C-alpha atoms as a PDB file:
ATOM      1  CA  ILE A   1     155.163 103.772  -4.577  1.00  0.00           C
ATOM      2  CA  GLY A   2     153.682 100.529  -3.234  1.00  0.00           C
ATOM      3  CA  ALA A   3     155.991 100.560  -0.203  1.00  0.00           C
ATOM      4  CA  MET A   4     155.102 104.186   0.541  1.00  0.00           C
ATOM      5  CA  LEU A   5     151.381 103.432   0.302  1.00  0.00           C
ATOM      6  CA  ALA A   6     151.773 100.438   2.616  1.00  0.00           C
ATOM      7  CA  ARG A   7     153.528 102.631   5.212  1.00  0.00           C
ATOM      8  CA  THR A   8     150.842 105.305   5.111  1.00  0.00           C
ATOM      9  CA  ASP A   9     147.829 102.968   4.881  1.00  0.00           C
ATOM     10  CA  PRO A  10     145.685 103.681   7.981  1.00  0.00           C
ATOM     11  CA  PHE A  11     143.822 100.385   7.679  1.00  0.00           C
ATOM     12  CA  LYS A  12     146.078  97.970   9.532  1.00  0.00           C
ATOM     13  CA  PRO A  13     144.680  95.846  12.364  1.00  0.00           C
ATOM     14  CA  ASP A  14     146.688  97.636  15.065  1.00  0.00           C
ATOM     15  CA  GLN A  15     145.546 101.045  13.787  1.00  0.00           C
ATOM     16  CA  LEU A  16     141.805 100.361  13.818  1.00  0.00           C
ATOM     17  CA  ARG A  17     139.725 102.402  16.281  1.00  0.00           C
ATOM     18  CA  ILE A  18     136.033 103.185  16.674  1.00  0.00           C
ATOM     19  CA  VAL A  19     134.205 106.494  16.693  1.00  0.00           C
ATOM     20  CA  ILE A  20     130.598 107.464  17.346  1.00  0.00           C
ATOM     21  CA  ARG A  21     129.064 109.734  14.698  1.00  0.00           C
ATOM     22  CA  PRO A  22     125.579 110.857  13.602  1.00  0.00           C
ATOM     23  CA  THR A  23     123.987 108.653  10.945  1.00  0.00           C
ATOM     24  CA  ALA A  24     123.358 111.672   8.713  1.00  0.00           C
ATOM     25  CA  ALA A  25     127.064 112.590   8.743  1.00  0.00           C
ATOM     26  CA  ILE A  26     128.083 109.051   7.757  1.00  0.00           C
ATOM     27  CA  ASP A  27     125.415 108.934   5.031  1.00  0.00           C
ATOM     28  CA  THR A  28     126.715 112.233   3.635  1.00  0.00           C
ATOM     29  CA  PHE A  29     130.312 110.966   3.700  1.00  0.00           C
ATOM     30  CA  GLU A  30     129.369 107.782   1.841  1.00  0.00           C
ATOM     31  CA  GLN A  31     127.558 109.760  -0.859  1.00  0.00           C
ATOM     32  CA  GLU A  32     130.171 112.506  -1.246  1.00  0.00           C
ATOM     33  CA  SER A  33     133.091 110.080  -1.407  1.00  0.00           C
ATOM     34  CA  ALA A  34     131.378 107.762  -3.909  1.00  0.00           C
ATOM     35  CA  ALA A  35     133.236 106.643  -7.018  1.00  0.00           C
ATOM     36  CA  GLY A  36     130.734 107.290  -9.778  1.00  0.00           C
ATOM     37  CA  ASP A  37     127.509 105.527  -8.872  1.00  0.00           C
ATOM     38  CA  ALA A  38     129.201 103.215  -6.334  1.00  0.00           C
ATOM     39  CA  ARG A  39     128.570 104.490  -2.804  1.00  0.00           C
ATOM     40  CA  ASN A  40     131.647 104.391  -0.546  1.00  0.00           C
ATOM     41  CA  VAL A  41     130.134 102.132   2.118  1.00  0.00           C
ATOM     42  CA  VAL A  42     132.039 102.303   5.409  1.00  0.00           C
ATOM     43  CA  VAL A  43     132.187  99.774   8.251  1.00  0.00           C
ATOM     44  CA  ARG A  44     129.413 100.998  10.533  1.00  0.00           C
ATOM     45  CA  ARG A  45     126.591  99.767  12.720  1.00  0.00           C
ATOM     46  CA  PRO A  46     123.753 101.370  14.672  1.00  0.00           C
ATOM     47  CA  PHE A  47     124.704 102.533  18.153  1.00  0.00           C
ATOM     48  CA  ILE A  48     121.767 104.427  19.694  1.00  0.00           C
ATOM     49  CA  GLY A  49     119.145 106.699  18.217  1.00  0.00           C
ATOM     50  CA  ASN A  50     120.637 108.608  15.292  1.00  0.00           C
ATOM     51  CA  LEU A  51     124.217 107.610  16.171  1.00  0.00           C
ATOM     52  CA  GLU A  52     126.424 104.952  14.626  1.00  0.00           C
ATOM     53  CA  GLU A  53     129.611 103.217  15.652  1.00  0.00           C
ATOM     54  CA  VAL A  54     132.165 103.429  12.829  1.00  0.00           C
ATOM     55  CA  VAL A  55     135.523 101.698  12.357  1.00  0.00           C
ATOM     56  CA  VAL A  56     138.338 104.093  11.480  1.00  0.00           C
ATOM     57  CA  GLY A  57     142.023 103.827  10.682  1.00  0.00           C
ATOM     58  CA  ASP A  58     144.226 106.074  12.823  1.00  0.00           C
ATOM     59  CA  THR A  59     147.657 107.417  11.883  1.00  0.00           C
ATOM     60  CA  PRO A  60     149.609 110.342  13.308  1.00  0.00           C
ATOM     61  CA  THR A  61     148.216 112.586  10.566  1.00  0.00           C
ATOM     62  CA  THR A  62     144.723 111.278   9.840  1.00  0.00           C
ATOM     63  CA  ILE A  63     141.680 109.425  11.071  1.00  0.00           C
ATOM     64  CA  ALA A  64     139.964 107.785   8.091  1.00  0.00           C
ATOM     65  CA  LEU A  65     136.576 106.088   7.960  1.00  0.00           C
ATOM     66  CA  MET A  66     137.166 102.479   6.900  1.00  0.00           C
ATOM     67  CA  PRO A  67     135.598 101.416   3.587  1.00  0.00           C
ATOM     68  CA  ALA A  68     133.862  98.043   3.868  1.00  0.00           C
ATOM     69  CA  THR A  69     135.897  96.880   0.869  1.00  0.00           C
ATOM     70  CA  ARG A  70     139.014  96.898   3.073  1.00  0.00           C
ATOM     71  CA  LEU A  71     137.687  94.125   5.328  1.00  0.00           C
ATOM     72  CA  ALA A  72     138.782  91.473   2.819  1.00  0.00           C
ATOM     73  CA  ASP A  73     142.321  92.959   2.677  1.00  0.00           C
ATOM     74  CA  LEU A  74     142.598  92.532   6.454  1.00  0.00           C
ATOM     75  CA  GLN A  75     140.874  89.143   6.449  1.00  0.00           C
ATOM     76  CA  LEU A  76     138.367  90.436   8.998  1.00  0.00           C
ATOM     77  CA  THR A  77     134.612  90.311   9.267  1.00  0.00           C
ATOM     78  CA  ALA A  78     132.841  93.525  10.222  1.00  0.00           C
ATOM     79  CA  GLY A  79     132.303  92.106  13.718  1.00  0.00           C
ATOM     80  CA  GLN A  80     136.004  91.344  14.088  1.00  0.00           C
ATOM     81  CA  ALA A  81     136.903  94.843  12.874  1.00  0.00           C
ATOM     82  CA  PHE A  82     134.633  96.356  15.535  1.00  0.00           C
ATOM     83  CA  GLU A  83     136.121  94.156  18.253  1.00  0.00           C
ATOM     84  CA  ARG A  84     139.665  95.028  17.157  1.00  0.00           C
ATOM     85  CA  GLY A  85     138.712  98.711  16.914  1.00  0.00           C
ATOM     86  CA  ARG A  86     137.175  98.706  20.397  1.00  0.00           C
ATOM     87  CA  ALA A  87     140.196  96.959  21.923  1.00  0.00           C
ATOM     88  CA  ASN A  88     142.619  99.360  20.226  1.00  0.00           C
ATOM     89  CA  THR A  89     140.512 102.364  21.240  1.00  0.00           C
ATOM     90  CA  LEU A  90     140.511 101.239  24.863  1.00  0.00           C
ATOM     91  CA  THR A  91     144.319 100.997  24.754  1.00  0.00           C
ATOM     92  CA  GLU A  92     144.609 104.298  22.866  1.00  0.00           C
ATOM     93  CA  THR A  93     142.460 106.265  25.291  1.00  0.00           C
ATOM     94  CA  GLY A  94     145.270 106.082  27.809  1.00  0.00           C
ATOM     95  CA  THR A  95     144.629 107.624  31.158  1.00  0.00           C
ATOM     96  CA  LEU A  96     141.111 108.833  31.706  1.00  0.00           C
ATOM     97  CA  THR A  97     140.856 112.158  33.477  1.00  0.00           C
ATOM     98  CA  TRP A  98     137.698 112.522  35.541  1.00  0.00           C
ATOM     99  CA  ARG A  99     136.818 115.920  36.943  1.00  0.00           C
ATOM    100  CA  THR A 100     133.799 117.252  38.752  1.00  0.00           C
ATOM    101  CA  VAL A 101     132.175 120.367  37.291  1.00  0.00           C
ATOM    102  CA  ASN A 102     129.012 121.739  38.958  1.00  0.00           C
ATOM    103  CA  GLY A 103     128.301 118.378  40.560  1.00  0.00           C
ATOM    104  CA  LEU A 104     128.648 116.418  37.306  1.00  0.00           C
ATOM    105  CA  LEU A 105     131.547 114.298  36.065  1.00  0.00           C
ATOM    106  CA  GLU A 106     133.387 115.119  32.859  1.00  0.00           C
ATOM    107  CA  VAL A 107     135.775 112.596  31.362  1.00  0.00           C
ATOM    108  CA  ARG A 108     138.682 113.314  29.026  1.00  0.00           C
ATOM    109  CA  THR A 109     141.010 110.929  27.267  1.00  0.00           C
ATOM    110  CA  SER A 110     144.606 111.567  26.341  1.00  0.00           C
ATOM    111  CA  SER A 111     143.837 110.521  22.745  1.00  0.00           C
ATOM    112  CA  GLY A 112     140.905 112.584  21.503  1.00  0.00           C
ATOM    113  CA  TYR A 113     138.590 109.566  21.377  1.00  0.00           C
ATOM    114  CA  ASP A 114     136.432 110.936  24.191  1.00  0.00           C
ATOM    115  CA  THR A 115     132.974 110.040  22.855  1.00  0.00           C
ATOM    116  CA  SER A 116     134.216 106.628  21.698  1.00  0.00           C
ATOM    117  CA  LEU A 117     134.174 105.752  25.389  1.00  0.00           C
ATOM    118  CA  LEU A 118     130.401 105.354  25.047  1.00  0.00           C
ATOM    119  CA  ALA A 119     131.013 102.061  23.188  1.00  0.00           C
ATOM    120  CA  LEU A 120     133.560 100.677  25.668  1.00  0.00           C
ATOM    121  CA  ASP A 121     131.664  98.660  28.263  1.00  0.00           C
ATOM    122  CA  SER A 122     134.633  98.343  30.615  1.00  0.00           C
ATOM    123  CA  VAL A 123     134.658 102.121  31.160  1.00  0.00           C
ATOM    124  CA  TRP A 124     131.109 102.029  32.540  1.00  0.00           C
ATOM    125  CA  THR A 125     131.484  98.951  34.730  1.00  0.00           C
ATOM    126  CA  GLY A 126     131.310 100.106  38.303  1.00  0.00           C
ATOM    127  CA  LEU A 127     130.610 103.758  37.460  1.00  0.00           C
ATOM    128  CA  ALA A 128     127.075 103.437  38.844  1.00  0.00           C
ATOM    129  CA  GLN A 129     128.634 102.271  42.110  1.00  0.00           C
ATOM    130  CA  ARG A 130     131.044 105.203  42.062  1.00  0.00           C
ATOM    131  CA  LEU A 131     128.141 107.613  41.531  1.00  0.00           C
ATOM    132  CA  GLY A 132     125.841 105.799  43.932  1.00  0.00           C
ATOM    133  CA  GLY A 133     123.059 105.433  41.357  1.00  0.00           C
ATOM    134  CA  PRO A 134     122.132 104.905  37.695  1.00  0.00           C
ATOM    135  CA  VAL A 135     124.335 106.670  35.119  1.00  0.00           C
ATOM    136  CA  ALA A 136     123.014 109.392  32.784  1.00  0.00           C
ATOM    137  CA  VAL A 137     125.301 110.683  30.027  1.00  0.00           C
ATOM    138  CA  ILE A 138     125.354 113.421  27.406  1.00  0.00           C
ATOM    139  CA  ALA A 139     127.733 113.834  24.483  1.00  0.00           C
ATOM    140  CA  PRO A 140     126.769 117.192  22.963  1.00  0.00           C
ATOM    141  CA  THR A 141     129.910 117.332  20.807  1.00  0.00           C
ATOM    142  CA  ARG A 142     132.481 114.809  19.583  1.00  0.00           C
ATOM    143  CA  GLU A 143     134.897 115.963  22.288  1.00  0.00           C
ATOM    144  CA  LYS A 144     132.726 116.011  25.383  1.00  0.00           C
ATOM    145  CA  ILE A 145     131.072 113.520  27.709  1.00  0.00           C
ATOM    146  CA  VAL A 146     129.302 114.670  30.871  1.00  0.00           C
ATOM    147  CA  ILE A 147     127.928 112.226  33.415  1.00  0.00           C
ATOM    148  CA  GLY A 148     125.400 112.493  36.218  1.00  0.00           C
ATOM    149  CA  ARG A 149     122.921 110.352  38.045  1.00  0.00           C
ATOM    150  CA  ALA A 150     119.773 109.456  36.131  1.00  0.00           C
ATOM    151  CA  ASP A 151     117.699 109.384  39.334  1.00  0.00           C
ATOM    152  CA  ARG A 152     118.770 112.835  40.519  1.00  0.00           C
ATOM    153  CA  PRO A 153     116.554 115.620  39.058  1.00  0.00           C
ATOM    154  CA  ARG A 154     119.260 118.248  39.668  1.00  0.00           C
ATOM    155  CA  ASP A 155     121.757 116.256  37.566  1.00  0.00           C
ATOM    156  CA  VAL A 156     119.255 115.719  34.737  1.00  0.00           C
ATOM    157  CA  THR A 157     118.385 119.444  34.722  1.00  0.00           C
ATOM    158  CA  ARG A 158     122.088 120.351  34.525  1.00  0.00           C
ATOM    159  CA  LEU A 159     122.688 117.814  31.743  1.00  0.00           C
ATOM    160  CA  ARG A 160     119.768 119.272  29.758  1.00  0.00           C
ATOM    161  CA  ALA A 161     121.154 122.793  30.183  1.00  0.00           C
ATOM    162  CA  ILE A 162     124.572 121.740  28.875  1.00  0.00           C
ATOM    163  CA  VAL A 163     123.001 119.982  25.872  1.00  0.00           C
ATOM    164  CA  ALA A 164     120.891 123.056  25.076  1.00  0.00           C
ATOM    165  CA  ALA A 165     123.956 125.316  25.212  1.00  0.00           C
ATOM    166  CA  GLU A 166     126.499 123.103  23.453  1.00  0.00           C
ATOM    167  CA  ALA A 167     124.799 120.606  21.100  1.00  0.00           C
ATOM    168  CA  LYS A 168     125.102 122.668  17.930  1.00  0.00           C
ATOM    169  CA  GLY A 169     127.415 123.395  15.061  1.00  0.00           C
ATOM    170  CA  ALA A 170     129.685 121.213  12.962  1.00  0.00           C
ATOM    171  CA  ARG A 171     130.965 119.191  15.936  1.00  0.00           C
ATOM    172  CA  LEU A 172     127.440 118.313  17.166  1.00  0.00           C
ATOM    173  CA  LEU A 173     127.073 114.714  18.246  1.00  0.00           C
ATOM    174  CA  SER A 174     123.750 114.488  20.083  1.00  0.00           C
ATOM    175  CA  ASN A 175     121.211 116.515  22.012  1.00  0.00           C
ATOM    176  CA  LYS A 176     119.935 113.468  23.916  1.00  0.00           C
ATOM    177  CA  ILE A 177     120.451 112.150  27.438  1.00  0.00           C
ATOM    178  CA  TRP A 178     121.208 108.426  27.672  1.00  0.00           C
ATOM    179  CA  VAL A 179     120.900 106.130  30.652  1.00  0.00           C
ATOM    180  CA  ARG A 180     123.003 103.009  31.093  1.00  0.00           C
ATOM    181  CA  ARG A 181     120.921  99.842  31.563  1.00  0.00           C
ATOM    182  CA  GLY A 182     123.132  96.809  31.940  1.00  0.00           C
ATOM    183  CA  THR A 183     125.442  96.915  28.934  1.00  0.00           C
ATOM    184  CA  THR A 184     123.291  99.146  26.739  1.00  0.00           C
ATOM    185  CA  TRP A 185     122.347 102.802  26.501  1.00  0.00           C
ATOM    186  CA  VAL A 186     118.724 103.867  26.313  1.00  0.00           C
ATOM    187  CA  GLU A 187     117.416 107.323  25.581  1.00  0.00           C
ATOM    188  CA  ARG A 188     115.983 109.059  28.619  1.00  0.00           C
END
């Protein structure tokens, strides 16, 4: 049984990834997966607004939020787990597919970690140059990122319309527009 568990354990250094999720969803998970009175604290940190960056373990059949208790097993600090998760996510995203839809850019990954791109600085380096101005982004659901120029009213209006139409339901991520300033996101 031990060997089988070791093979299926999603929390190995090369299987760590990061995801962006609403704080309320992570809070609910920690409470609902508690063992008795002990909350199941996961490896997480604030990202922007009501969103958090969370370390997960990824296998072909599951993506599991990483309990903080597993850090000791891997001999990692939380910071090291995030760095490993970000590096693995960048590798996992594979080829990024950029397409223009109604004058805005949409990006897709080949891995399903689309909104995790928000935490990967290297993805955003040079994008302002490509767009010819400051970057504005929405992530209305876990599977969608749409990008426009923050200084172009037409782009901001289109981004707001997409958020209003799509930021709802169980897959909701955020109804906010963020602008990239240096290496951080700020709410517009």
